[in-house]
ModelCIF file with pLDDT and N, C-alpha, C, O atoms, coordinates in Angstrom:
data_MODEL
#
_entry.id   MODEL 
#
_entity.id                         1 
_entity.type                       polymer 
_entity.pdbx_number_of_molecules   1 
#
_entity_poly.entity_id                      1 
_entity_poly.type                           'polypeptide(L)' 
_entity_poly.nstd_linkage                   no 
_entity_poly.nstd_monomer                   no 
_entity_poly.pdbx_seq_one_letter_code       
;(UNK)(UNK)(UNK)(UNK)(UNK)(UNK)(UNK)(UNK)(UNK)(UNK)(UNK)(UNK)(UNK)(UNK)(UNK)(UNK)
(UNK)(UNK)(UNK)(UNK)(UNK)(UNK)(UNK)(UNK)(UNK)(UNK)(UNK)(UNK)(UNK)(UNK)(UNK)(UNK)
(UNK)(UNK)(UNK)(UNK)(UNK)(UNK)(UNK)(UNK)
;
_entity_poly.pdbx_seq_one_letter_code_can   XXXXXXXXXXXXXXXXXXXXXXXXXXXXXXXXXXXXXXXX 
_entity_poly.pdbx_strand_id                 A 
#
loop_
_entity_poly_seq.entity_id 
_entity_poly_seq.num 
_entity_poly_seq.mon_id 
_entity_poly_seq.hetero 
1 1  UNK n 
1 2  UNK n 
1 3  UNK n 
1 4  UNK n 
1 5  UNK n 
1 6  UNK n 
1 7  UNK n 
1 8  UNK n 
1 9  UNK n 
1 10 UNK n 
1 11 UNK n 
1 12 UNK n 
1 13 UNK n 
1 14 UNK n 
1 15 UNK n 
1 16 UNK n 
1 17 UNK n 
1 18 UNK n 
1 19 UNK n 
1 20 UNK n 
1 21 UNK n 
1 22 UNK n 
1 23 UNK n 
1 24 UNK n 
1 25 UNK n 
1 26 UNK n 
1 27 UNK n 
1 28 UNK n 
1 29 UNK n 
1 30 UNK n 
1 31 UNK n 
1 32 UNK n 
1 33 UNK n 
1 34 UNK n 
1 35 UNK n 
1 36 UNK n 
1 37 UNK n 
1 38 UNK n 
1 39 UNK n 
1 40 UNK n 
#
_struct_asym.id          A 
_struct_asym.entity_id   1 
#
loop_
_ma_qa_metric.id 
_ma_qa_metric.mode 
_ma_qa_metric.name 
_ma_qa_metric.software_group_id 
_ma_qa_metric.type 
1 global pLDDT . pLDDT 
2 local  pLDDT . pLDDT 
#
_ma_qa_metric_global.metric_id      1 
_ma_qa_metric_global.metric_value   81.28 
_ma_qa_metric_global.model_id       1 
_ma_qa_metric_global.ordinal_id     1 
#
loop_
_ma_qa_metric_local.label_asym_id 
_ma_qa_metric_local.label_comp_id 
_ma_qa_metric_local.label_seq_id 
_ma_qa_metric_local.metric_id 
_ma_qa_metric_local.metric_value 
_ma_qa_metric_local.model_id 
_ma_qa_metric_local.ordinal_id 
A UNK 1  2 83.00 1 1  
A UNK 2  2 82.00 1 2  
A UNK 3  2 84.00 1 3  
A UNK 4  2 84.00 1 4  
A UNK 5  2 82.00 1 5  
A UNK 6  2 81.00 1 6  
A UNK 7  2 85.00 1 7  
A UNK 8  2 82.00 1 8  
A UNK 9  2 77.00 1 9  
A UNK 10 2 78.00 1 10 
A UNK 11 2 81.00 1 11 
A UNK 12 2 77.00 1 12 
A UNK 13 2 73.00 1 13 
A UNK 14 2 77.00 1 14 
A UNK 15 2 80.00 1 15 
A UNK 16 2 84.00 1 16 
A UNK 17 2 86.00 1 17 
A UNK 18 2 87.00 1 18 
A UNK 19 2 89.00 1 19 
A UNK 20 2 86.00 1 20 
A UNK 21 2 88.00 1 21 
A UNK 22 2 85.00 1 22 
A UNK 23 2 84.00 1 23 
A UNK 24 2 81.00 1 24 
A UNK 25 2 74.00 1 25 
A UNK 26 2 68.00 1 26 
A UNK 27 2 67.00 1 27 
A UNK 28 2 68.00 1 28 
A UNK 29 2 72.00 1 29 
A UNK 30 2 76.00 1 30 
A UNK 31 2 80.00 1 31 
A UNK 32 2 83.00 1 32 
A UNK 33 2 84.00 1 33 
A UNK 34 2 85.00 1 34 
A UNK 35 2 85.00 1 35 
A UNK 36 2 87.00 1 36 
A UNK 37 2 87.00 1 37 
A UNK 38 2 88.00 1 38 
A UNK 39 2 87.00 1 39 
A UNK 40 2 84.00 1 40 
#
loop_
_atom_site.group_PDB 
_atom_site.id 
_atom_site.type_symbol 
_atom_site.label_atom_id 
_atom_site.label_alt_id 
_atom_site.label_comp_id 
_atom_site.label_asym_id 
_atom_site.label_entity_id 
_atom_site.label_seq_id 
_atom_site.pdbx_PDB_ins_code 
_atom_site.Cartn_x 
_atom_site.Cartn_y 
_atom_site.Cartn_z 
_atom_site.occupancy 
_atom_site.B_iso_or_equiv 
_atom_site.pdbx_formal_charge 
_atom_site.auth_seq_id 
_atom_site.auth_comp_id 
_atom_site.auth_asym_id 
_atom_site.auth_atom_id 
_atom_site.pdbx_PDB_model_num 
ATOM 1   N N  . UNK A 1 1  ? 0.784  -1.224 -0.003  1.00 83.00 ? 1  UNK A N  1 
ATOM 2   C CA . UNK A 1 1  ? -0.051 0.017  -0.071  1.00 83.00 ? 1  UNK A CA 1 
ATOM 3   C C  . UNK A 1 1  ? 0.868  1.239  -0.012  1.00 83.00 ? 1  UNK A C  1 
ATOM 4   O O  . UNK A 1 1  ? 0.595  2.189  -0.745  1.00 83.00 ? 1  UNK A O  1 
ATOM 5   N N  . UNK A 1 2  ? 1.897  1.297  0.767   1.00 82.00 ? 2  UNK A N  1 
ATOM 6   C CA . UNK A 1 2  ? 2.812  2.409  0.751   1.00 82.00 ? 2  UNK A CA 1 
ATOM 7   C C  . UNK A 1 2  ? 3.395  2.708  -0.581  1.00 82.00 ? 2  UNK A C  1 
ATOM 8   O O  . UNK A 1 2  ? 3.381  3.826  -1.096  1.00 82.00 ? 2  UNK A O  1 
ATOM 9   N N  . UNK A 1 3  ? 3.933  1.591  -1.128  1.00 84.00 ? 3  UNK A N  1 
ATOM 10  C CA . UNK A 1 3  ? 4.541  1.754  -2.478  1.00 84.00 ? 3  UNK A CA 1 
ATOM 11  C C  . UNK A 1 3  ? 3.496  2.307  -3.578  1.00 84.00 ? 3  UNK A C  1 
ATOM 12  O O  . UNK A 1 3  ? 3.849  3.112  -4.440  1.00 84.00 ? 3  UNK A O  1 
ATOM 13  N N  . UNK A 1 4  ? 2.303  1.855  -3.487  1.00 84.00 ? 4  UNK A N  1 
ATOM 14  C CA . UNK A 1 4  ? 1.279  2.326  -4.427  1.00 84.00 ? 4  UNK A CA 1 
ATOM 15  C C  . UNK A 1 4  ? 0.946  3.794  -4.177  1.00 84.00 ? 4  UNK A C  1 
ATOM 16  O O  . UNK A 1 4  ? 0.788  4.607  -5.088  1.00 84.00 ? 4  UNK A O  1 
ATOM 17  N N  . UNK A 1 5  ? 0.853  4.072  -2.887  1.00 82.00 ? 5  UNK A N  1 
ATOM 18  C CA . UNK A 1 5  ? 0.486  5.593  -2.573  1.00 82.00 ? 5  UNK A CA 1 
ATOM 19  C C  . UNK A 1 5  ? 1.766  6.358  -2.951  1.00 82.00 ? 5  UNK A C  1 
ATOM 20  O O  . UNK A 1 5  ? 1.593  7.435  -3.521  1.00 82.00 ? 5  UNK A O  1 
ATOM 21  N N  . UNK A 1 6  ? 3.048  5.944  -2.712  1.00 81.00 ? 6  UNK A N  1 
ATOM 22  C CA . UNK A 1 6  ? 4.183  6.663  -3.162  1.00 81.00 ? 6  UNK A CA 1 
ATOM 23  C C  . UNK A 1 6  ? 4.174  6.904  -4.675  1.00 81.00 ? 6  UNK A C  1 
ATOM 24  O O  . UNK A 1 6  ? 4.466  8.019  -5.107  1.00 81.00 ? 6  UNK A O  1 
ATOM 25  N N  . UNK A 1 7  ? 3.849  5.894  -5.496  1.00 85.00 ? 7  UNK A N  1 
ATOM 26  C CA . UNK A 1 7  ? 3.832  6.070  -6.961  1.00 85.00 ? 7  UNK A CA 1 
ATOM 27  C C  . UNK A 1 7  ? 2.699  7.144  -7.375  1.00 85.00 ? 7  UNK A C  1 
ATOM 28  O O  . UNK A 1 7  ? 2.965  8.054  -8.160  1.00 85.00 ? 7  UNK A O  1 
ATOM 29  N N  . UNK A 1 8  ? 1.425  6.984  -6.803  1.00 82.00 ? 8  UNK A N  1 
ATOM 30  C CA . UNK A 1 8  ? 0.403  7.830  -7.139  1.00 82.00 ? 8  UNK A CA 1 
ATOM 31  C C  . UNK A 1 8  ? 0.697  9.323  -6.793  1.00 82.00 ? 8  UNK A C  1 
ATOM 32  O O  . UNK A 1 8  ? 0.369  10.210 -7.580  1.00 82.00 ? 8  UNK A O  1 
ATOM 33  N N  . UNK A 1 9  ? 1.292  9.583  -5.654  1.00 77.00 ? 9  UNK A N  1 
ATOM 34  C CA . UNK A 1 9  ? 1.487  10.898 -5.105  1.00 77.00 ? 9  UNK A CA 1 
ATOM 35  C C  . UNK A 1 9  ? 2.693  11.433 -5.966  1.00 77.00 ? 9  UNK A C  1 
ATOM 36  O O  . UNK A 1 9  ? 2.630  12.599 -6.355  1.00 77.00 ? 9  UNK A O  1 
ATOM 37  N N  . UNK A 1 10 ? 3.698  10.727 -6.263  1.00 78.00 ? 10 UNK A N  1 
ATOM 38  C CA . UNK A 1 10 ? 4.832  11.155 -6.989  1.00 78.00 ? 10 UNK A CA 1 
ATOM 39  C C  . UNK A 1 10 ? 4.399  11.562 -8.455  1.00 78.00 ? 10 UNK A C  1 
ATOM 40  O O  . UNK A 1 10 ? 4.861  12.545 -9.036  1.00 78.00 ? 10 UNK A O  1 
ATOM 41  N N  . UNK A 1 11 ? 3.540  10.771 -8.943  1.00 81.00 ? 11 UNK A N  1 
ATOM 42  C CA . UNK A 1 11 ? 2.909  11.058 -10.337 1.00 81.00 ? 11 UNK A CA 1 
ATOM 43  C C  . UNK A 1 11 ? 2.258  12.439 -10.432 1.00 81.00 ? 11 UNK A C  1 
ATOM 44  O O  . UNK A 1 11 ? 2.226  13.084 -11.480 1.00 81.00 ? 11 UNK A O  1 
ATOM 45  N N  . UNK A 1 12 ? 1.707  12.876 -9.195  1.00 77.00 ? 12 UNK A N  1 
ATOM 46  C CA . UNK A 1 12 ? 1.064  14.172 -9.146  1.00 77.00 ? 12 UNK A CA 1 
ATOM 47  C C  . UNK A 1 12 ? 2.010  15.380 -9.109  1.00 77.00 ? 12 UNK A C  1 
ATOM 48  O O  . UNK A 1 12 ? 1.638  16.520 -9.383  1.00 77.00 ? 12 UNK A O  1 
ATOM 49  N N  . UNK A 1 13 ? 3.316  15.035 -8.736  1.00 73.00 ? 13 UNK A N  1 
ATOM 50  C CA . UNK A 1 13 ? 4.396  15.982 -8.504  1.00 73.00 ? 13 UNK A CA 1 
ATOM 51  C C  . UNK A 1 13 ? 5.329  16.080 -9.684  1.00 73.00 ? 13 UNK A C  1 
ATOM 52  O O  . UNK A 1 13 ? 5.650  17.180 -10.134 1.00 73.00 ? 13 UNK A O  1 
ATOM 53  N N  . UNK A 1 14 ? 5.733  15.041 -10.150 1.00 77.00 ? 14 UNK A N  1 
ATOM 54  C CA . UNK A 1 14 ? 6.737  14.982 -11.177 1.00 77.00 ? 14 UNK A CA 1 
ATOM 55  C C  . UNK A 1 14 ? 6.124  14.463 -12.573 1.00 77.00 ? 14 UNK A C  1 
ATOM 56  O O  . UNK A 1 14 ? 5.055  13.863 -12.685 1.00 77.00 ? 14 UNK A O  1 
ATOM 57  N N  . UNK A 1 15 ? 6.959  14.791 -13.565 1.00 80.00 ? 15 UNK A N  1 
ATOM 58  C CA . UNK A 1 15 ? 6.511  14.209 -14.855 1.00 80.00 ? 15 UNK A CA 1 
ATOM 59  C C  . UNK A 1 15 ? 7.616  13.053 -15.187 1.00 80.00 ? 15 UNK A C  1 
ATOM 60  O O  . UNK A 1 15 ? 8.815  13.317 -15.281 1.00 80.00 ? 15 UNK A O  1 
ATOM 61  N N  . UNK A 1 16 ? 7.119  11.844 -15.343 1.00 84.00 ? 16 UNK A N  1 
ATOM 62  C CA . UNK A 1 16 ? 8.078  10.795 -15.597 1.00 84.00 ? 16 UNK A CA 1 
ATOM 63  C C  . UNK A 1 16 ? 7.427  9.721  -16.566 1.00 84.00 ? 16 UNK A C  1 
ATOM 64  O O  . UNK A 1 16 ? 6.200  9.734  -16.663 1.00 84.00 ? 16 UNK A O  1 
ATOM 65  N N  . UNK A 1 17 ? 8.134  8.825  -17.266 1.00 86.00 ? 17 UNK A N  1 
ATOM 66  C CA . UNK A 1 17 ? 7.627  7.768  -17.891 1.00 86.00 ? 17 UNK A CA 1 
ATOM 67  C C  . UNK A 1 17 ? 7.775  6.497  -17.046 1.00 86.00 ? 17 UNK A C  1 
ATOM 68  O O  . UNK A 1 17 ? 6.842  5.696  -17.100 1.00 86.00 ? 17 UNK A O  1 
ATOM 69  N N  . UNK A 1 18 ? 8.799  6.222  -16.296 1.00 87.00 ? 18 UNK A N  1 
ATOM 70  C CA . UNK A 1 18 ? 9.067  5.226  -15.560 1.00 87.00 ? 18 UNK A CA 1 
ATOM 71  C C  . UNK A 1 18 ? 9.299  5.521  -14.120 1.00 87.00 ? 18 UNK A C  1 
ATOM 72  O O  . UNK A 1 18 ? 9.781  6.575  -13.703 1.00 87.00 ? 18 UNK A O  1 
ATOM 73  N N  . UNK A 1 19 ? 8.918  4.507  -13.390 1.00 89.00 ? 19 UNK A N  1 
ATOM 74  C CA . UNK A 1 19 ? 8.919  4.776  -11.809 1.00 89.00 ? 19 UNK A CA 1 
ATOM 75  C C  . UNK A 1 19 ? 9.334  3.416  -11.257 1.00 89.00 ? 19 UNK A C  1 
ATOM 76  O O  . UNK A 1 19 ? 8.770  2.384  -11.619 1.00 89.00 ? 19 UNK A O  1 
ATOM 77  N N  . UNK A 1 20 ? 10.434 3.436  -10.281 1.00 86.00 ? 20 UNK A N  1 
ATOM 78  C CA . UNK A 1 20 ? 10.923 2.113  -9.697  1.00 86.00 ? 20 UNK A CA 1 
ATOM 79  C C  . UNK A 1 20 ? 11.406 2.545  -8.242  1.00 86.00 ? 20 UNK A C  1 
ATOM 80  O O  . UNK A 1 20 ? 11.851 3.659  -7.966  1.00 86.00 ? 20 UNK A O  1 
ATOM 81  N N  . UNK A 1 21 ? 11.256 1.546  -7.409  1.00 88.00 ? 21 UNK A N  1 
ATOM 82  C CA . UNK A 1 21 ? 11.688 1.582  -6.068  1.00 88.00 ? 21 UNK A CA 1 
ATOM 83  C C  . UNK A 1 21 ? 12.571 0.381  -5.869  1.00 88.00 ? 21 UNK A C  1 
ATOM 84  O O  . UNK A 1 21 ? 12.119 -0.729 -6.150  1.00 88.00 ? 21 UNK A O  1 
ATOM 85  N N  . UNK A 1 22 ? 13.880 0.523  -5.374  1.00 85.00 ? 22 UNK A N  1 
ATOM 86  C CA . UNK A 1 22 ? 14.782 -0.490 -5.082  1.00 85.00 ? 22 UNK A CA 1 
ATOM 87  C C  . UNK A 1 22 ? 15.189 -0.467 -3.520  1.00 85.00 ? 22 UNK A C  1 
ATOM 88  O O  . UNK A 1 22 ? 15.362 0.571  -2.882  1.00 85.00 ? 22 UNK A O  1 
ATOM 89  N N  . UNK A 1 23 ? 15.310 -1.725 -3.025  1.00 84.00 ? 23 UNK A N  1 
ATOM 90  C CA . UNK A 1 23 ? 15.686 -1.852 -1.572  1.00 84.00 ? 23 UNK A CA 1 
ATOM 91  C C  . UNK A 1 23 ? 16.925 -2.638 -1.452  1.00 84.00 ? 23 UNK A C  1 
ATOM 92  O O  . UNK A 1 23 ? 17.016 -3.725 -2.024  1.00 84.00 ? 23 UNK A O  1 
ATOM 93  N N  . UNK A 1 24 ? 17.984 -2.106 -0.670  1.00 81.00 ? 24 UNK A N  1 
ATOM 94  C CA . UNK A 1 24 ? 19.091 -2.843 -0.441  1.00 81.00 ? 24 UNK A CA 1 
ATOM 95  C C  . UNK A 1 24 ? 18.948 -4.115 0.372   1.00 81.00 ? 24 UNK A C  1 
ATOM 96  O O  . UNK A 1 24 ? 18.037 -4.165 1.198   1.00 81.00 ? 24 UNK A O  1 
ATOM 97  N N  . UNK A 1 25 ? 19.633 -4.980 0.240   1.00 74.00 ? 25 UNK A N  1 
ATOM 98  C CA . UNK A 1 25 ? 19.689 -6.330 0.991   1.00 74.00 ? 25 UNK A CA 1 
ATOM 99  C C  . UNK A 1 25 ? 21.129 -6.495 1.523   1.00 74.00 ? 25 UNK A C  1 
ATOM 100 O O  . UNK A 1 25 ? 22.062 -6.637 0.733   1.00 74.00 ? 25 UNK A O  1 
ATOM 101 N N  . UNK A 1 26 ? 21.304 -6.477 2.794   1.00 68.00 ? 26 UNK A N  1 
ATOM 102 C CA . UNK A 1 26 ? 22.622 -6.798 3.421   1.00 68.00 ? 26 UNK A CA 1 
ATOM 103 C C  . UNK A 1 26 ? 23.508 -5.503 3.522   1.00 68.00 ? 26 UNK A C  1 
ATOM 104 O O  . UNK A 1 26 ? 23.166 -4.433 3.019   1.00 68.00 ? 26 UNK A O  1 
ATOM 105 N N  . UNK A 1 27 ? 24.645 -5.693 4.199   1.00 67.00 ? 27 UNK A N  1 
ATOM 106 C CA . UNK A 1 27 ? 25.567 -4.571 4.433   1.00 67.00 ? 27 UNK A CA 1 
ATOM 107 C C  . UNK A 1 27 ? 26.176 -4.312 3.166   1.00 67.00 ? 27 UNK A C  1 
ATOM 108 O O  . UNK A 1 27 ? 26.420 -5.209 2.360   1.00 67.00 ? 27 UNK A O  1 
ATOM 109 N N  . UNK A 1 28 ? 26.451 -2.978 2.955   1.00 68.00 ? 28 UNK A N  1 
ATOM 110 C CA . UNK A 1 28 ? 27.154 -2.531 1.763   1.00 68.00 ? 28 UNK A CA 1 
ATOM 111 C C  . UNK A 1 28 ? 26.331 -2.529 0.459   1.00 68.00 ? 28 UNK A C  1 
ATOM 112 O O  . UNK A 1 28 ? 26.783 -2.094 -0.601  1.00 68.00 ? 28 UNK A O  1 
ATOM 113 N N  . UNK A 1 29 ? 25.168 -3.012 0.596   1.00 72.00 ? 29 UNK A N  1 
ATOM 114 C CA . UNK A 1 29 ? 24.135 -3.169 -0.669  1.00 72.00 ? 29 UNK A CA 1 
ATOM 115 C C  . UNK A 1 29 ? 24.818 -4.002 -1.797  1.00 72.00 ? 29 UNK A C  1 
ATOM 116 O O  . UNK A 1 29 ? 24.909 -3.534 -2.932  1.00 72.00 ? 29 UNK A O  1 
ATOM 117 N N  . UNK A 1 30 ? 25.235 -5.075 -1.522  1.00 76.00 ? 30 UNK A N  1 
ATOM 118 C CA . UNK A 1 30 ? 25.874 -5.958 -2.507  1.00 76.00 ? 30 UNK A CA 1 
ATOM 119 C C  . UNK A 1 30 ? 24.860 -6.497 -3.536  1.00 76.00 ? 30 UNK A C  1 
ATOM 120 O O  . UNK A 1 30 ? 25.253 -6.966 -4.605  1.00 76.00 ? 30 UNK A O  1 
ATOM 121 N N  . UNK A 1 31 ? 23.552 -6.428 -3.209  1.00 80.00 ? 31 UNK A N  1 
ATOM 122 C CA . UNK A 1 31 ? 22.539 -6.822 -4.039  1.00 80.00 ? 31 UNK A CA 1 
ATOM 123 C C  . UNK A 1 31 ? 21.274 -6.016 -3.585  1.00 80.00 ? 31 UNK A C  1 
ATOM 124 O O  . UNK A 1 31 ? 21.189 -5.573 -2.439  1.00 80.00 ? 31 UNK A O  1 
ATOM 125 N N  . UNK A 1 32 ? 20.284 -5.842 -4.539  1.00 83.00 ? 32 UNK A N  1 
ATOM 126 C CA . UNK A 1 32 ? 19.079 -5.194 -4.137  1.00 83.00 ? 32 UNK A CA 1 
ATOM 127 C C  . UNK A 1 32 ? 17.924 -5.798 -4.891  1.00 83.00 ? 32 UNK A C  1 
ATOM 128 O O  . UNK A 1 32 ? 18.117 -6.514 -5.873  1.00 83.00 ? 32 UNK A O  1 
ATOM 129 N N  . UNK A 1 33 ? 16.660 -5.496 -4.409  1.00 84.00 ? 33 UNK A N  1 
ATOM 130 C CA . UNK A 1 33 ? 15.600 -5.952 -5.013  1.00 84.00 ? 33 UNK A CA 1 
ATOM 131 C C  . UNK A 1 33 ? 14.678 -4.793 -5.524  1.00 84.00 ? 33 UNK A C  1 
ATOM 132 O O  . UNK A 1 33 ? 14.436 -3.820 -4.809  1.00 84.00 ? 33 UNK A O  1 
ATOM 133 N N  . UNK A 1 34 ? 14.204 -4.924 -6.710  1.00 85.00 ? 34 UNK A N  1 
ATOM 134 C CA . UNK A 1 34 ? 13.305 -3.937 -7.229  1.00 85.00 ? 34 UNK A CA 1 
ATOM 135 C C  . UNK A 1 34 ? 11.973 -4.273 -6.783  1.00 85.00 ? 34 UNK A C  1 
ATOM 136 O O  . UNK A 1 34 ? 11.369 -5.223 -7.281  1.00 85.00 ? 34 UNK A O  1 
ATOM 137 N N  . UNK A 1 35 ? 11.514 -3.602 -5.938  1.00 85.00 ? 35 UNK A N  1 
ATOM 138 C CA . UNK A 1 35 ? 10.108 -3.887 -5.340  1.00 85.00 ? 35 UNK A CA 1 
ATOM 139 C C  . UNK A 1 35 ? 8.946  -3.177 -6.069  1.00 85.00 ? 35 UNK A C  1 
ATOM 140 O O  . UNK A 1 35 ? 7.782  -3.434 -5.765  1.00 85.00 ? 35 UNK A O  1 
ATOM 141 N N  . UNK A 1 36 ? 9.247  -2.319 -6.993  1.00 87.00 ? 36 UNK A N  1 
ATOM 142 C CA . UNK A 1 36 ? 8.247  -1.703 -7.723  1.00 87.00 ? 36 UNK A CA 1 
ATOM 143 C C  . UNK A 1 36 ? 8.915  -1.159 -9.129  1.00 87.00 ? 36 UNK A C  1 
ATOM 144 O O  . UNK A 1 36 ? 9.898  -0.419 -9.149  1.00 87.00 ? 36 UNK A O  1 
ATOM 145 N N  . UNK A 1 37 ? 8.285  -1.599 -10.206 1.00 87.00 ? 37 UNK A N  1 
ATOM 146 C CA . UNK A 1 37 ? 8.769  -1.073 -11.491 1.00 87.00 ? 37 UNK A CA 1 
ATOM 147 C C  . UNK A 1 37 ? 7.555  -0.785 -12.384 1.00 87.00 ? 37 UNK A C  1 
ATOM 148 O O  . UNK A 1 37 ? 6.842  -1.718 -12.752 1.00 87.00 ? 37 UNK A O  1 
ATOM 149 N N  . UNK A 1 38 ? 7.326  0.354  -12.707 1.00 88.00 ? 38 UNK A N  1 
ATOM 150 C CA . UNK A 1 38 ? 6.120  0.891  -13.453 1.00 88.00 ? 38 UNK A CA 1 
ATOM 151 C C  . UNK A 1 38 ? 6.674  1.638  -14.694 1.00 88.00 ? 38 UNK A C  1 
ATOM 152 O O  . UNK A 1 38 ? 7.642  2.396  -14.622 1.00 88.00 ? 38 UNK A O  1 
ATOM 153 N N  . UNK A 1 39 ? 5.959  1.358  -15.899 1.00 87.00 ? 39 UNK A N  1 
ATOM 154 C CA . UNK A 1 39 ? 6.218  2.126  -16.999 1.00 87.00 ? 39 UNK A CA 1 
ATOM 155 C C  . UNK A 1 39 ? 5.078  2.414  -17.642 1.00 87.00 ? 39 UNK A C  1 
ATOM 156 O O  . UNK A 1 39 ? 4.348  1.466  -17.931 1.00 87.00 ? 39 UNK A O  1 
ATOM 157 N N  . UNK A 1 40 ? 4.697  3.695  -17.984 1.00 84.00 ? 40 UNK A N  1 
ATOM 158 C CA . UNK A 1 40 ? 3.404  4.030  -18.633 1.00 84.00 ? 40 UNK A CA 1 
ATOM 159 C C  . UNK A 1 40 ? 2.212  3.503  -17.868 1.00 84.00 ? 40 UNK A C  1 
ATOM 160 O O  . UNK A 1 40 ? 1.072  3.704  -18.286 1.00 84.00 ? 40 UNK A O  1 
#
C-alpha cells in the first residue's frame, strides 16, 4: 500500500515515464531488489 501511494503521489508532482523503487539487501548493498517497477 505504501509503494502504491508513493507512486500515485509522485505522479502528481513529477513528470516521468518510468518509476521504480529498489531496496538494499545486506551490508554494503551488494545486491538489491526492485520492489516496484512501473512504465506508462
